[in-house]
Amino acid sequence: MHRSRINAIMDEADAFIRQHGFVLPPFAYWSPETMRREATPAIVDARLGWDITDYGEGRYDEMGLFLFTLRNGRLADLQRGRGMCYAEKLLISKAHQLAPMHRHNLKAEDIINRGGPRLVIEPYMSAADGSVDRAAPVEVPCDGRMRRLSPGEHLALAPGESVTLLPGVWHAFWAEGGDVLIGEVSTVNDDETDNVFETPIGRFSDIEEDEAPRHLLVSDYEAWLGAKVG
């Protein structure tokens, strides 16, 4: 992706988020220079901040996702069962923009339609070898009720509705009828190691630097701040 496109997406996303009554935290608006001076390990190590991905495929409008990580605990806390064991993100799925089929080994997450038209989830269970089981029915909790879906059946979430996806549940999703603001509440998030895609694609974008970054992406932290990724 061109850096100029990323900068434009940031502006559009910020306006869309505010339109729905949410405001990003102050560090979201820091310049790269301010990040160098002010960023703390609680921001950098937890990979809080902007995350715009086309999965390395160069087709953001067709397959991509906007994310902003608001808070994120530590894996050590999750492993010992105490401390900050949770994470929270805001996502934007553009109309008919696919977030491709993937699962997580550790992360359990609630995906919430925070505003817009319908968010469509395509869930599958895992086979014994961890691959997608397209023959098995799927059971997922939705706002306190268990939903049983036939193999390949889509789950459509209206504003305010949510689904809980436990580790190992494969899922792809997209917006229908317009852009959707999505909330994600989960256990500790590790995007470097805990995303398993059905097809071999990247988690982050390859960036062509055609202009200066307005704000850093979490994938910029290693190069700009000396933070180790992964």
C-alpha atoms as a PDB file:
ATOM      1  CA  MET A   1       0.000   0.000   0.000  1.00  0.00           C
ATOM      2  CA  HIS A   2       1.123   3.547  -0.623  1.00  0.00           C
ATOM      3  CA  ARG A   3       1.724   5.586   2.522  1.00  0.00           C
ATOM      4  CA  SER A   4      -0.468   8.323   1.045  1.00  0.00           C
ATOM      5  CA  ARG A   5      -3.392   5.852   0.907  1.00  0.00           C
ATOM      6  CA  ILE A   6      -2.773   4.834   4.507  1.00  0.00           C
ATOM      7  CA  ASN A   7      -2.774   8.487   5.591  1.00  0.00           C
ATOM      8  CA  ALA A   8      -6.069   9.062   3.770  1.00  0.00           C
ATOM      9  CA  ILE A   9      -7.624   5.949   5.354  1.00  0.00           C
ATOM     10  CA  MET A  10      -6.641   7.247   8.798  1.00  0.00           C
ATOM     11  CA  ASP A  11      -8.472  10.525   8.182  1.00  0.00           C
ATOM     12  CA  GLU A  12     -11.553   8.743   6.824  1.00  0.00           C
ATOM     13  CA  ALA A  13     -11.585   6.238   9.686  1.00  0.00           C
ATOM     14  CA  ASP A  14     -11.252   8.913  12.364  1.00  0.00           C
ATOM     15  CA  ALA A  15     -14.231  10.794  10.918  1.00  0.00           C
ATOM     16  CA  PHE A  16     -16.281   7.566  10.675  1.00  0.00           C
ATOM     17  CA  ILE A  17     -15.478   6.608  14.270  1.00  0.00           C
ATOM     18  CA  ARG A  18     -16.456  10.071  15.553  1.00  0.00           C
ATOM     19  CA  GLN A  19     -19.666   9.892  13.538  1.00  0.00           C
ATOM     20  CA  HIS A  20     -20.645   6.904  15.685  1.00  0.00           C
ATOM     21  CA  GLY A  21     -19.883   8.648  18.973  1.00  0.00           C
ATOM     22  CA  PHE A  22     -16.437   7.167  19.633  1.00  0.00           C
ATOM     23  CA  VAL A  23     -13.192   9.123  20.017  1.00  0.00           C
ATOM     24  CA  LEU A  24      -9.727   7.575  19.776  1.00  0.00           C
ATOM     25  CA  PRO A  25      -7.241   8.097  22.652  1.00  0.00           C
ATOM     26  CA  PRO A  26      -4.769  11.025  22.585  1.00  0.00           C
ATOM     27  CA  PHE A  27      -1.785   8.946  21.404  1.00  0.00           C
ATOM     28  CA  ALA A  28      -3.690   8.160  18.196  1.00  0.00           C
ATOM     29  CA  TYR A  29      -2.978  11.697  17.000  1.00  0.00           C
ATOM     30  CA  TRP A  30       0.720  11.849  17.850  1.00  0.00           C
ATOM     31  CA  SER A  31       3.115  12.486  14.987  1.00  0.00           C
ATOM     32  CA  PRO A  32       5.995  10.036  14.462  1.00  0.00           C
ATOM     33  CA  GLU A  33       8.284  12.548  16.177  1.00  0.00           C
ATOM     34  CA  THR A  34       6.000  12.754  19.219  1.00  0.00           C
ATOM     35  CA  MET A  35       5.799   8.968  19.326  1.00  0.00           C
ATOM     36  CA  ARG A  36       9.593   8.817  19.488  1.00  0.00           C
ATOM     37  CA  ARG A  37       9.566  11.179  22.482  1.00  0.00           C
ATOM     38  CA  GLU A  38       6.454  10.128  24.349  1.00  0.00           C
ATOM     39  CA  ALA A  39       5.625   6.497  23.556  1.00  0.00           C
ATOM     40  CA  THR A  40       5.844   4.205  26.575  1.00  0.00           C
ATOM     41  CA  PRO A  41       6.324   0.421  26.681  1.00  0.00           C
ATOM     42  CA  ALA A  42       2.633   0.175  27.595  1.00  0.00           C
ATOM     43  CA  ILE A  43       1.865   1.545  24.118  1.00  0.00           C
ATOM     44  CA  VAL A  44       4.681   0.069  22.048  1.00  0.00           C
ATOM     45  CA  ASP A  45       5.059  -3.391  23.583  1.00  0.00           C
ATOM     46  CA  ALA A  46       1.295  -3.927  23.589  1.00  0.00           C
ATOM     47  CA  ARG A  47       1.105  -2.750  19.952  1.00  0.00           C
ATOM     48  CA  LEU A  48      -1.561  -0.168  20.695  1.00  0.00           C
ATOM     49  CA  GLY A  49      -2.499   2.056  17.781  1.00  0.00           C
ATOM     50  CA  TRP A  50      -3.256   2.148  14.073  1.00  0.00           C
ATOM     51  CA  ASP A  51      -3.329  -1.041  12.012  1.00  0.00           C
ATOM     52  CA  ILE A  52      -4.354  -0.895   8.332  1.00  0.00           C
ATOM     53  CA  THR A  53      -3.851  -4.057   6.353  1.00  0.00           C
ATOM     54  CA  ASP A  54      -4.349  -5.377   2.848  1.00  0.00           C
ATOM     55  CA  TYR A  55      -2.772  -8.691   3.957  1.00  0.00           C
ATOM     56  CA  GLY A  56       0.141  -8.016   1.602  1.00  0.00           C
ATOM     57  CA  GLU A  57      -2.092  -8.577  -1.430  1.00  0.00           C
ATOM     58  CA  GLY A  58      -2.414  -4.975  -2.664  1.00  0.00           C
ATOM     59  CA  ARG A  59      -6.234  -5.081  -2.960  1.00  0.00           C
ATOM     60  CA  TYR A  60      -7.367  -3.143   0.103  1.00  0.00           C
ATOM     61  CA  ASP A  61     -10.847  -2.307  -1.227  1.00  0.00           C
ATOM     62  CA  GLU A  62     -11.524  -5.997  -1.914  1.00  0.00           C
ATOM     63  CA  MET A  63      -9.577  -7.668   0.903  1.00  0.00           C
ATOM     64  CA  GLY A  64      -8.467  -5.536   3.795  1.00  0.00           C
ATOM     65  CA  LEU A  65      -9.347  -4.173   7.211  1.00  0.00           C
ATOM     66  CA  PHE A  66      -8.916  -1.085   9.371  1.00  0.00           C
ATOM     67  CA  LEU A  67      -8.110  -1.732  13.031  1.00  0.00           C
ATOM     68  CA  PHE A  68      -7.123   0.376  16.030  1.00  0.00           C
ATOM     69  CA  THR A  69      -5.945  -1.403  19.175  1.00  0.00           C
ATOM     70  CA  LEU A  70      -7.191   0.564  22.183  1.00  0.00           C
ATOM     71  CA  ARG A  71      -5.885  -1.646  24.984  1.00  0.00           C
ATOM     72  CA  ASN A  72      -4.047  -4.946  25.262  1.00  0.00           C
ATOM     73  CA  GLY A  73      -2.759  -6.996  28.157  1.00  0.00           C
ATOM     74  CA  ARG A  74       0.239  -9.274  28.365  1.00  0.00           C
ATOM     75  CA  LEU A  75       0.455 -12.941  27.485  1.00  0.00           C
ATOM     76  CA  ALA A  76       2.135 -13.595  30.854  1.00  0.00           C
ATOM     77  CA  ASP A  77      -0.972 -12.277  32.640  1.00  0.00           C
ATOM     78  CA  LEU A  78      -3.212 -14.503  30.533  1.00  0.00           C
ATOM     79  CA  GLN A  79      -1.032 -17.530  31.219  1.00  0.00           C
ATOM     80  CA  ARG A  80      -1.191 -17.055  34.983  1.00  0.00           C
ATOM     81  CA  GLY A  81      -4.874 -16.111  34.921  1.00  0.00           C
ATOM     82  CA  ARG A  82      -4.605 -12.739  36.635  1.00  0.00           C
ATOM     83  CA  GLY A  83      -3.784  -9.173  35.691  1.00  0.00           C
ATOM     84  CA  MET A  84      -4.697  -7.537  32.382  1.00  0.00           C
ATOM     85  CA  CYS A  85      -5.981 -10.551  30.436  1.00  0.00           C
ATOM     86  CA  TYR A  86      -8.041  -8.607  27.889  1.00  0.00           C
ATOM     87  CA  ALA A  87      -7.789  -6.479  24.757  1.00  0.00           C
ATOM     88  CA  GLU A  88     -10.079  -4.110  22.864  1.00  0.00           C
ATOM     89  CA  LYS A  89     -10.089  -2.874  19.274  1.00  0.00           C
ATOM     90  CA  LEU A  90     -12.175  -0.781  16.936  1.00  0.00           C
ATOM     91  CA  LEU A  91     -12.411  -2.068  13.359  1.00  0.00           C
ATOM     92  CA  ILE A  92     -13.972  -0.756  10.182  1.00  0.00           C
ATOM     93  CA  SER A  93     -15.095  -3.150   7.482  1.00  0.00           C
ATOM     94  CA  LYS A  94     -15.837  -1.413   4.199  1.00  0.00           C
ATOM     95  CA  ALA A  95     -18.803  -2.556   2.147  1.00  0.00           C
ATOM     96  CA  HIS A  96     -17.973  -5.942   0.552  1.00  0.00           C
ATOM     97  CA  GLN A  97     -14.366  -5.738   1.793  1.00  0.00           C
ATOM     98  CA  LEU A  98     -13.354  -9.231   2.868  1.00  0.00           C
ATOM     99  CA  ALA A  99     -11.491 -10.056   6.063  1.00  0.00           C
ATOM    100  CA  PRO A 100     -10.252 -13.481   4.891  1.00  0.00           C
ATOM    101  CA  MET A 101     -10.774 -16.845   6.551  1.00  0.00           C
ATOM    102  CA  HIS A 102      -8.634 -17.235   9.669  1.00  0.00           C
ATOM    103  CA  ARG A 103      -8.617 -18.534  13.223  1.00  0.00           C
ATOM    104  CA  HIS A 104      -6.724 -17.947  16.453  1.00  0.00           C
ATOM    105  CA  ASN A 105      -4.941 -20.460  18.635  1.00  0.00           C
ATOM    106  CA  LEU A 106      -5.245 -18.504  21.893  1.00  0.00           C
ATOM    107  CA  LYS A 107      -7.534 -15.526  21.442  1.00  0.00           C
ATOM    108  CA  ALA A 108     -11.236 -15.659  22.245  1.00  0.00           C
ATOM    109  CA  GLU A 109     -13.097 -12.629  20.907  1.00  0.00           C
ATOM    110  CA  ASP A 110     -16.450 -10.943  20.809  1.00  0.00           C
ATOM    111  CA  ILE A 111     -17.156  -9.297  17.452  1.00  0.00           C
ATOM    112  CA  ILE A 112     -19.764  -6.536  17.873  1.00  0.00           C
ATOM    113  CA  ASN A 113     -21.596  -4.479  15.269  1.00  0.00           C
ATOM    114  CA  ARG A 114     -21.165  -0.991  16.760  1.00  0.00           C
ATOM    115  CA  GLY A 115     -22.893   0.858  13.942  1.00  0.00           C
ATOM    116  CA  GLY A 116     -23.777   0.773  10.269  1.00  0.00           C
ATOM    117  CA  PRO A 117     -25.698  -1.848   8.282  1.00  0.00           C
ATOM    118  CA  ARG A 118     -25.148  -5.607   8.612  1.00  0.00           C
ATOM    119  CA  LEU A 119     -21.894  -7.351   9.450  1.00  0.00           C
ATOM    120  CA  VAL A 120     -21.789 -10.854   7.971  1.00  0.00           C
ATOM    121  CA  ILE A 121     -19.713 -13.609   9.578  1.00  0.00           C
ATOM    122  CA  GLU A 122     -18.902 -16.907   7.848  1.00  0.00           C
ATOM    123  CA  PRO A 123     -17.834 -19.307  10.639  1.00  0.00           C
ATOM    124  CA  TYR A 124     -16.563 -22.883  10.507  1.00  0.00           C
ATOM    125  CA  MET A 125     -15.293 -25.326  13.084  1.00  0.00           C
ATOM    126  CA  SER A 126     -11.776 -26.759  13.008  1.00  0.00           C
ATOM    127  CA  ALA A 127     -11.097 -30.309  11.858  1.00  0.00           C
ATOM    128  CA  ALA A 128      -8.859 -32.560  13.951  1.00  0.00           C
ATOM    129  CA  ASP A 129      -5.795 -31.339  12.050  1.00  0.00           C
ATOM    130  CA  GLY A 130      -6.734 -27.664  12.564  1.00  0.00           C
ATOM    131  CA  SER A 131      -7.960 -27.073   9.011  1.00  0.00           C
ATOM    132  CA  VAL A 132     -11.392 -25.702   8.082  1.00  0.00           C
ATOM    133  CA  ASP A 133     -14.168 -28.274   8.580  1.00  0.00           C
ATOM    134  CA  ARG A 134     -16.781 -27.360   5.976  1.00  0.00           C
ATOM    135  CA  ALA A 135     -18.989 -30.347   6.812  1.00  0.00           C
ATOM    136  CA  ALA A 136     -19.646 -29.751  10.510  1.00  0.00           C
ATOM    137  CA  PRO A 137     -22.409 -27.564  11.964  1.00  0.00           C
ATOM    138  CA  VAL A 138     -21.252 -24.534  13.926  1.00  0.00           C
ATOM    139  CA  GLU A 139     -22.360 -23.434  17.394  1.00  0.00           C
ATOM    140  CA  VAL A 140     -21.476 -19.916  18.528  1.00  0.00           C
ATOM    141  CA  PRO A 141     -22.774 -17.775  21.416  1.00  0.00           C
ATOM    142  CA  CYS A 142     -24.611 -14.622  20.300  1.00  0.00           C
ATOM    143  CA  ASP A 143     -25.548 -12.135  23.015  1.00  0.00           C
ATOM    144  CA  GLY A 144     -26.263 -14.795  25.615  1.00  0.00           C
ATOM    145  CA  ARG A 145     -27.927 -17.307  23.300  1.00  0.00           C
ATOM    146  CA  MET A 146     -26.338 -20.253  21.495  1.00  0.00           C
ATOM    147  CA  ARG A 147     -26.806 -20.175  17.725  1.00  0.00           C
ATOM    148  CA  ARG A 148     -26.496 -23.369  15.699  1.00  0.00           C
ATOM    149  CA  LEU A 149     -25.615 -22.827  12.039  1.00  0.00           C
ATOM    150  CA  SER A 150     -25.511 -25.232   9.155  1.00  0.00           C
ATOM    151  CA  PRO A 151     -22.133 -25.689   7.407  1.00  0.00           C
ATOM    152  CA  GLY A 152     -21.505 -22.597   5.288  1.00  0.00           C
ATOM    153  CA  GLU A 153     -24.436 -20.652   6.757  1.00  0.00           C
ATOM    154  CA  HIS A 154     -23.791 -16.945   7.216  1.00  0.00           C
ATOM    155  CA  LEU A 155     -24.435 -15.108  10.475  1.00  0.00           C
ATOM    156  CA  ALA A 156     -25.656 -11.535   9.938  1.00  0.00           C
ATOM    157  CA  LEU A 157     -25.234  -9.094  12.831  1.00  0.00           C
ATOM    158  CA  ALA A 158     -27.364  -5.949  13.009  1.00  0.00           C
ATOM    159  CA  PRO A 159     -26.137  -2.925  15.017  1.00  0.00           C
ATOM    160  CA  GLY A 160     -25.807  -3.883  18.674  1.00  0.00           C
ATOM    161  CA  GLU A 161     -25.560  -7.609  17.979  1.00  0.00           C
ATOM    162  CA  SER A 162     -22.452  -9.692  18.596  1.00  0.00           C
ATOM    163  CA  VAL A 163     -20.927 -13.136  18.304  1.00  0.00           C
ATOM    164  CA  THR A 164     -18.336 -14.867  20.486  1.00  0.00           C
ATOM    165  CA  LEU A 165     -15.622 -16.708  18.566  1.00  0.00           C
ATOM    166  CA  LEU A 166     -13.583 -19.124  20.659  1.00  0.00           C
ATOM    167  CA  PRO A 167     -10.065 -20.272  19.775  1.00  0.00           C
ATOM    168  CA  GLY A 168     -10.083 -22.591  16.784  1.00  0.00           C
ATOM    169  CA  VAL A 169     -13.292 -21.241  15.221  1.00  0.00           C
ATOM    170  CA  TRP A 170     -12.515 -20.226  11.646  1.00  0.00           C
ATOM    171  CA  HIS A 171     -14.159 -17.041  10.420  1.00  0.00           C
ATOM    172  CA  ALA A 172     -14.256 -14.570   7.563  1.00  0.00           C
ATOM    173  CA  PHE A 173     -16.386 -11.427   7.615  1.00  0.00           C
ATOM    174  CA  TRP A 174     -17.530  -8.473   5.540  1.00  0.00           C
ATOM    175  CA  ALA A 175     -20.025  -5.590   5.613  1.00  0.00           C
ATOM    176  CA  GLU A 176     -23.208  -5.562   3.557  1.00  0.00           C
ATOM    177  CA  GLY A 177     -25.002  -2.378   2.557  1.00  0.00           C
ATOM    178  CA  GLY A 178     -22.314   0.067   3.658  1.00  0.00           C
ATOM    179  CA  ASP A 179     -19.388   0.454   6.025  1.00  0.00           C
ATOM    180  CA  VAL A 180     -19.642  -1.054   9.521  1.00  0.00           C
ATOM    181  CA  LEU A 181     -17.948   0.020  12.744  1.00  0.00           C
ATOM    182  CA  ILE A 182     -16.951  -3.102  14.660  1.00  0.00           C
ATOM    183  CA  GLY A 183     -15.969  -3.554  18.270  1.00  0.00           C
ATOM    184  CA  GLU A 184     -13.668  -6.371  19.279  1.00  0.00           C
ATOM    185  CA  VAL A 185     -13.330  -7.386  22.927  1.00  0.00           C
ATOM    186  CA  SER A 186     -10.992 -10.301  23.461  1.00  0.00           C
ATOM    187  CA  THR A 187      -8.408 -12.027  25.534  1.00  0.00           C
ATOM    188  CA  VAL A 188      -4.831 -10.773  25.063  1.00  0.00           C
ATOM    189  CA  ASN A 189      -4.101 -10.145  21.388  1.00  0.00           C
ATOM    190  CA  ASP A 190      -0.900 -11.113  19.570  1.00  0.00           C
ATOM    191  CA  ASP A 191      -1.187 -10.285  15.883  1.00  0.00           C
ATOM    192  CA  GLU A 192       2.380 -11.370  15.154  1.00  0.00           C
ATOM    193  CA  THR A 193       1.856 -15.035  16.084  1.00  0.00           C
ATOM    194  CA  ASP A 194      -1.826 -15.822  16.708  1.00  0.00           C
ATOM    195  CA  ASN A 195      -3.407 -15.411  13.271  1.00  0.00           C
ATOM    196  CA  VAL A 196      -3.704 -18.600  11.209  1.00  0.00           C
ATOM    197  CA  PHE A 197      -4.967 -17.941   7.666  1.00  0.00           C
ATOM    198  CA  GLU A 198      -6.527 -20.590   5.466  1.00  0.00           C
ATOM    199  CA  THR A 199      -4.449 -19.411   2.499  1.00  0.00           C
ATOM    200  CA  PRO A 200      -0.845 -18.244   2.895  1.00  0.00           C
ATOM    201  CA  ILE A 201      -1.115 -14.457   3.149  1.00  0.00           C
ATOM    202  CA  GLY A 202       0.555 -11.851   5.312  1.00  0.00           C
ATOM    203  CA  ARG A 203      -0.965 -10.172   8.347  1.00  0.00           C
ATOM    204  CA  PHE A 204       0.471  -6.703   7.637  1.00  0.00           C
ATOM    205  CA  SER A 205       0.790  -4.495   4.565  1.00  0.00           C
ATOM    206  CA  ASP A 206       3.892  -3.900   2.496  1.00  0.00           C
ATOM    207  CA  ILE A 207       4.252  -0.110   2.405  1.00  0.00           C
ATOM    208  CA  GLU A 208       5.548   2.068  -0.407  1.00  0.00           C
ATOM    209  CA  GLU A 209       6.782   5.340   1.089  1.00  0.00           C
ATOM    210  CA  ASP A 210       5.445   7.932  -1.334  1.00  0.00           C
ATOM    211  CA  GLU A 211       4.933  10.516   1.454  1.00  0.00           C
ATOM    212  CA  ALA A 212       5.694  10.901   5.152  1.00  0.00           C
ATOM    213  CA  PRO A 213       3.509   9.002   7.640  1.00  0.00           C
ATOM    214  CA  ARG A 214       0.922  11.093   9.457  1.00  0.00           C
ATOM    215  CA  HIS A 215       0.796   8.616  12.333  1.00  0.00           C
ATOM    216  CA  LEU A 216       2.714   5.385  12.801  1.00  0.00           C
ATOM    217  CA  LEU A 217       1.140   1.992  12.256  1.00  0.00           C
ATOM    218  CA  VAL A 218       1.865  -0.721  14.804  1.00  0.00           C
ATOM    219  CA  SER A 219       3.867  -2.420  12.054  1.00  0.00           C
ATOM    220  CA  ASP A 220       6.062   0.723  11.866  1.00  0.00           C
ATOM    221  CA  TYR A 221       7.186   0.544  15.464  1.00  0.00           C
ATOM    222  CA  GLU A 222      10.258  -1.623  14.863  1.00  0.00           C
ATOM    223  CA  ALA A 223      11.689   0.594  12.125  1.00  0.00           C
ATOM    224  CA  TRP A 224      10.739   3.949  13.655  1.00  0.00           C
ATOM    225  CA  LEU A 225      11.011   3.272  17.386  1.00  0.00           C
ATOM    226  CA  GLY A 226      13.430   0.368  17.566  1.00  0.00           C
ATOM    227  CA  ALA A 227      10.709  -1.917  18.914  1.00  0.00           C
ATOM    228  CA  LYS A 228      11.045  -5.586  18.084  1.00  0.00           C
ATOM    229  CA  VAL A 229       8.079  -7.071  16.221  1.00  0.00           C
ATOM    230  CA  GLY A 230       7.237 -10.664  17.113  1.00  0.00           C
END
